[in-house]
Amino acid sequence: MKKKIQKDRPLIYRFDTKVSVIGKKYDTDFGADANKKLGDFLIEKGYPSLAGMLQDA
């Protein structure tokens, strides 16, 4: 049986999410390799969180 996704639940991205997935969701280009993982990208660029990265984008 499949779990139903709650519509009012906020989206949570894990560190192993690809940067390209987030770029498509928020319609922005981060200039990163399509296969780079979010955790590696945040550490490389010095962002404390995804929210901080999106504010600068």
Protein backbone atom coordinates (compact mmCIF):
# COMPACT_ATOMS: atom_id res chain seq x y z
CA MET A 1 0.00 0.00 0.00
CA LYS A 2 1.37 3.42 -0.97
CA LYS A 3 1.61 6.26 1.51
CA LYS A 4 -0.36 9.37 0.68
CA ILE A 5 1.57 12.61 0.66
CA GLN A 6 -0.01 15.30 2.77
CA LYS A 7 -0.54 18.49 0.78
CA ASP A 8 -0.05 20.85 3.72
CA ARG A 9 3.24 19.25 4.76
CA PRO A 10 6.33 21.33 3.85
CA LEU A 11 8.79 19.85 1.38
CA ILE A 12 11.98 18.59 3.00
CA TYR A 13 15.10 18.15 0.90
CA ARG A 14 17.84 15.82 2.03
CA PHE A 15 21.56 16.33 1.48
CA ASP A 16 21.59 13.61 -1.19
CA THR A 17 19.07 15.48 -3.40
CA LYS A 18 20.56 16.59 -6.70
CA VAL A 19 20.98 20.34 -7.23
CA SER A 20 19.29 20.03 -10.64
CA VAL A 21 16.04 18.88 -8.97
CA ILE A 22 15.99 21.98 -6.75
CA GLY A 23 16.89 24.20 -9.69
CA LYS A 24 13.88 22.93 -11.62
CA LYS A 25 11.56 23.32 -8.62
CA TYR A 26 12.56 26.95 -7.98
CA ASP A 27 13.21 27.81 -11.65
CA THR A 28 16.78 28.97 -11.15
CA ASP A 29 20.25 27.94 -12.28
CA PHE A 30 22.89 27.54 -9.60
CA GLY A 31 25.73 26.98 -12.04
CA ALA A 32 26.51 23.57 -10.59
CA ASP A 33 26.98 20.19 -12.23
CA ALA A 34 23.58 18.52 -12.74
CA ASN A 35 24.66 15.46 -10.74
CA LYS A 36 26.10 17.38 -7.77
CA LYS A 37 24.38 16.63 -4.49
CA LEU A 38 22.82 19.38 -2.38
CA GLY A 39 24.99 18.70 0.67
CA ASP A 40 28.22 18.91 -1.30
CA PHE A 41 27.06 22.10 -3.03
CA LEU A 42 26.07 23.84 0.22
CA ILE A 43 29.38 22.97 1.86
CA GLU A 44 31.37 24.00 -1.21
CA LYS A 45 29.65 27.39 -1.45
CA GLY A 46 29.57 28.00 2.31
CA TYR A 47 25.79 28.20 2.71
CA PRO A 48 24.35 27.23 6.10
CA SER A 49 21.09 25.96 4.60
CA LEU A 50 18.96 25.68 1.47
CA ALA A 51 17.00 28.77 2.54
CA GLY A 52 20.20 30.80 2.67
CA MET A 53 21.18 29.61 -0.78
CA LEU A 54 17.78 30.50 -2.25
CA GLN A 55 17.90 34.01 -0.76
CA ASP A 56 21.15 34.68 -2.63
CA ALA A 57 19.90 33.18 -5.91
